[in-house]
Amino acid sequence: MSVVTRRSSMTFFSDPRDHYSHRVRMVLAEKGVTVDIVDVDPDNKPEDLAEINPYNSVPTLLDRDLVLYESAVIMEYLDERFPHPPLLPVYPVARAQSRLLIHRIEKDWSHRVDLLMIGKGRETVLTRARTELRESIISVAPVFAEKPFFMSDEFTLVDCCVTPILWRLKVLDIKLPERSTKAMQKYMQSMFERPSFRESLTEAELEMRE
């Protein structure tokens, strides 16, 4: 019997080390959603995944007959499917600004994180990616002093994108200067202690900060 057919109505295919999967796990935990999580080895993916997702990629969410892939799509679906607590602002302008922040995280941070997590390629390319990512993160550090969450008074999907990346800084070999990133360090500590974040962590992710 396949993984899909023997599981409950909602199944989440997740890479235990992947920050895109991690951000969705944060949303699921924040919402208190009951879901079967299938840990996927990217080098040995289950046949079920290829059957339901034409890209054979993670994260992938199966909700009854609905199949969703791409983390941003999944997160917004979950926020609408389970509206409490809301993780996007109510008003269109603020919602658009949150979506734009997520897009900027994707453009400025995510692809560099991907390169460094895979760790394959020329050393010069990896070194440049690490330097650019570090400088970009440091450049936004001051905004963490303005509000309790990332450019918001409330916890949002943007925090679900930012926090998994910040959690991985140690394994990415990125050290931040303490003096100029004090507010960011405080934010990190608060997010890392958040119950939904602790619940979202896999064993592989726990090992990243040991």
Protein backbone atom coordinates (compact mmCIF):
# COMPACT_ATOMS: atom_id res chain seq x y z
CA MET A 1 0.00 0.00 0.00
CA SER A 2 1.34 3.44 -0.89
CA VAL A 3 2.24 6.11 1.63
CA VAL A 4 -0.56 8.32 0.33
CA THR A 5 -3.41 5.79 0.39
CA ARG A 6 -2.75 4.58 3.92
CA ARG A 7 -2.47 8.04 5.47
CA SER A 8 -5.01 10.58 6.68
CA SER A 9 -6.58 13.38 4.64
CA MET A 10 -3.57 15.73 4.90
CA THR A 11 -0.02 14.61 4.16
CA PHE A 12 3.08 16.78 4.00
CA PHE A 13 6.18 15.61 2.14
CA SER A 14 9.11 17.33 3.83
CA ASP A 15 12.90 17.33 3.59
CA PRO A 16 14.13 17.34 7.23
CA ARG A 17 17.04 19.66 6.35
CA ASP A 18 15.35 21.94 3.84
CA HIS A 19 14.45 25.50 4.91
CA TYR A 20 11.51 25.63 2.49
CA SER A 21 10.00 22.56 4.15
CA HIS A 22 10.86 24.03 7.54
CA ARG A 23 8.89 27.22 6.90
CA VAL A 24 5.77 25.17 6.08
CA ARG A 25 6.28 23.04 9.20
CA MET A 26 6.34 26.29 11.18
CA VAL A 27 2.97 27.30 9.74
CA LEU A 28 1.49 23.87 10.45
CA ALA A 29 2.71 24.04 14.04
CA GLU A 30 1.52 27.64 14.51
CA LYS A 31 -1.93 26.65 13.28
CA GLY A 32 -2.01 23.43 15.29
CA VAL A 33 -2.84 21.43 12.16
CA THR A 34 -2.92 17.65 12.42
CA VAL A 35 -0.92 16.35 9.47
CA ASP A 36 1.07 13.26 8.55
CA ILE A 37 4.63 14.33 7.78
CA VAL A 38 6.62 12.15 5.41
CA ASP A 39 10.36 12.75 5.73
CA VAL A 40 11.84 12.69 2.24
CA ASP A 41 15.45 11.85 1.44
CA PRO A 42 16.19 14.01 -1.62
CA ASP A 43 18.41 11.23 -2.98
CA ASN A 44 15.79 8.55 -2.50
CA LYS A 45 12.33 10.05 -2.94
CA PRO A 46 9.20 7.91 -2.47
CA GLU A 47 7.36 6.87 -5.62
CA ASP A 48 4.20 8.50 -4.29
CA LEU A 49 5.77 11.93 -4.59
CA ALA A 50 6.42 11.62 -8.32
CA GLU A 51 2.87 10.33 -8.79
CA ILE A 52 1.25 13.44 -7.30
CA ASN A 53 3.80 16.18 -8.07
CA PRO A 54 5.02 16.55 -11.68
CA TYR A 55 8.25 18.15 -10.39
CA ASN A 56 8.86 15.40 -7.80
CA SER A 57 9.87 18.13 -5.36
CA VAL A 58 9.50 19.04 -1.70
CA PRO A 59 7.77 20.59 0.05
CA THR A 60 4.54 19.08 -1.24
CA LEU A 61 1.20 19.13 0.55
CA LEU A 62 -1.58 16.66 -0.15
CA ASP A 63 -4.95 17.70 1.25
CA ARG A 64 -7.49 15.10 0.17
CA ASP A 65 -7.58 15.51 -3.63
CA LEU A 66 -5.64 18.77 -3.67
CA VAL A 67 -1.89 18.72 -4.31
CA LEU A 68 0.19 21.83 -3.71
CA TYR A 69 3.89 22.46 -4.15
CA GLU A 70 6.10 25.54 -3.69
CA SER A 71 6.34 26.70 -0.09
CA ALA A 72 4.78 30.16 -0.57
CA VAL A 73 1.69 28.65 -2.21
CA ILE A 74 1.37 26.05 0.55
CA MET A 75 1.78 28.60 3.34
CA GLU A 76 -0.89 30.94 1.96
CA TYR A 77 -3.27 28.01 1.42
CA LEU A 78 -2.81 26.88 5.01
CA ASP A 79 -3.38 30.41 6.26
CA GLU A 80 -6.68 30.59 4.39
CA ARG A 81 -7.71 26.99 5.14
CA PHE A 82 -7.02 27.42 8.86
CA PRO A 83 -7.67 31.13 9.51
CA HIS A 84 -6.76 31.20 13.20
CA PRO A 85 -4.35 32.59 14.07
CA PRO A 86 -4.07 34.70 10.89
CA LEU A 87 -0.53 34.87 9.54
CA LEU A 88 -1.07 37.54 6.90
CA PRO A 89 -2.45 41.04 7.50
CA VAL A 90 -6.13 41.66 6.82
CA TYR A 91 -5.78 44.73 4.61
CA PRO A 92 -4.72 44.38 0.93
CA VAL A 93 -1.83 46.88 1.11
CA ALA A 94 -0.28 45.22 4.16
CA ARG A 95 -0.82 41.76 2.64
CA ALA A 96 0.92 42.88 -0.55
CA GLN A 97 3.82 44.25 1.49
CA SER A 98 4.18 40.92 3.31
CA ARG A 99 4.18 39.06 0.00
CA LEU A 100 6.82 41.43 -1.33
CA LEU A 101 9.00 40.80 1.74
CA ILE A 102 8.75 37.06 1.14
CA HIS A 103 9.73 37.63 -2.49
CA ARG A 104 12.75 39.67 -1.40
CA ILE A 105 13.82 36.95 1.00
CA GLU A 106 13.63 34.49 -1.89
CA LYS A 107 15.69 36.74 -4.17
CA ASP A 108 18.27 37.98 -1.68
CA TRP A 109 18.71 35.05 0.71
CA SER A 110 17.09 31.77 -0.29
CA HIS A 111 19.08 30.84 -3.40
CA ARG A 112 22.34 31.55 -1.56
CA VAL A 113 21.21 29.38 1.33
CA ASP A 114 20.44 26.64 -1.20
CA LEU A 115 23.94 26.81 -2.67
CA LEU A 116 25.60 26.64 0.74
CA MET A 117 23.36 23.86 2.07
CA ILE A 118 24.14 21.69 -0.93
CA GLY A 119 27.81 22.61 -0.59
CA LYS A 120 28.73 21.51 -4.07
CA GLY A 121 30.51 23.70 -6.57
CA ARG A 122 33.60 25.77 -6.88
CA GLU A 123 34.91 27.17 -3.61
CA THR A 124 34.97 30.67 -5.07
CA VAL A 125 31.24 30.45 -5.84
CA LEU A 126 30.43 29.20 -2.33
CA THR A 127 32.62 31.82 -0.70
CA ARG A 128 30.93 34.58 -2.69
CA ALA A 129 27.48 33.24 -1.80
CA ARG A 130 28.41 33.11 1.89
CA THR A 131 29.82 36.65 1.85
CA GLU A 132 26.83 38.07 -0.02
CA LEU A 133 24.35 36.34 2.27
CA ARG A 134 26.16 37.55 5.40
CA GLU A 135 26.32 41.13 4.14
CA SER A 136 22.67 41.10 3.12
CA ILE A 137 21.55 39.81 6.51
CA ILE A 138 23.69 42.36 8.35
CA SER A 139 22.28 45.16 6.17
CA VAL A 140 18.72 44.47 7.36
CA ALA A 141 19.68 43.92 11.01
CA PRO A 142 18.58 47.44 12.07
CA VAL A 143 14.93 46.77 11.12
CA PHE A 144 14.68 44.20 13.91
CA ALA A 145 14.90 47.04 16.44
CA GLU A 146 11.76 48.70 15.10
CA LYS A 147 9.10 46.02 15.74
CA PRO A 148 8.83 42.75 17.72
CA PHE A 149 8.58 40.69 14.54
CA PHE A 150 10.08 41.10 11.07
CA MET A 151 8.75 44.53 10.06
CA SER A 152 5.48 43.75 11.81
CA ASP A 153 3.77 44.00 15.18
CA GLU A 154 2.38 40.50 14.69
CA PHE A 155 3.91 37.13 13.83
CA THR A 156 3.40 36.51 10.10
CA LEU A 157 4.36 34.22 7.24
CA VAL A 158 7.40 36.45 6.74
CA ASP A 159 8.77 35.29 10.10
CA CYS A 160 8.17 31.70 8.98
CA CYS A 161 10.50 32.39 6.03
CA VAL A 162 13.15 34.33 7.94
CA THR A 163 13.54 32.17 11.05
CA PRO A 164 14.54 28.88 9.36
CA ILE A 165 17.32 30.73 7.52
CA LEU A 166 18.61 32.37 10.69
CA TRP A 167 18.52 28.98 12.42
CA ARG A 168 20.89 27.66 9.74
CA LEU A 169 23.56 30.37 10.04
CA LYS A 170 25.87 28.15 12.09
CA VAL A 171 25.77 25.28 9.61
CA LEU A 172 26.22 27.81 6.79
CA ASP A 173 29.39 29.01 8.55
CA ILE A 174 28.07 32.56 8.91
CA LYS A 175 28.91 34.49 12.06
CA LEU A 176 27.23 37.84 12.68
CA PRO A 177 28.93 40.76 14.44
CA GLU A 178 27.34 41.06 17.89
CA ARG A 179 27.49 44.84 18.24
CA SER A 180 25.60 45.72 15.07
CA THR A 181 23.09 42.85 15.21
CA LYS A 182 21.90 42.99 18.84
CA ALA A 183 18.25 43.48 17.91
CA MET A 184 18.44 40.65 15.40
CA GLN A 185 20.04 38.37 18.00
CA LYS A 186 17.19 39.18 20.40
CA TYR A 187 14.68 38.39 17.65
CA MET A 188 16.42 35.10 16.92
CA GLN A 189 16.33 34.07 20.57
CA SER A 190 12.63 34.92 20.79
CA MET A 191 11.78 33.02 17.61
CA PHE A 192 13.89 30.00 18.51
CA GLU A 193 12.07 29.73 21.84
CA ARG A 194 8.62 30.07 20.28
CA PRO A 195 6.67 26.83 20.94
CA SER A 196 5.56 26.43 17.33
CA PHE A 197 9.14 26.78 16.14
CA ARG A 198 10.41 24.18 18.63
CA GLU A 199 7.65 21.85 17.46
CA SER A 200 8.60 22.38 13.82
CA LEU A 201 12.20 21.24 14.24
CA THR A 202 13.39 17.88 12.95
CA GLU A 203 16.26 15.92 14.49
CA ALA A 204 18.48 17.00 11.60
CA GLU A 205 17.64 20.64 12.25
CA LEU A 206 18.27 20.31 15.99
CA GLU A 207 21.75 19.05 15.18
CA MET A 208 22.46 22.21 13.17
CA ARG A 209 22.78 24.26 16.37
CA GLU A 210 24.64 21.76 18.52
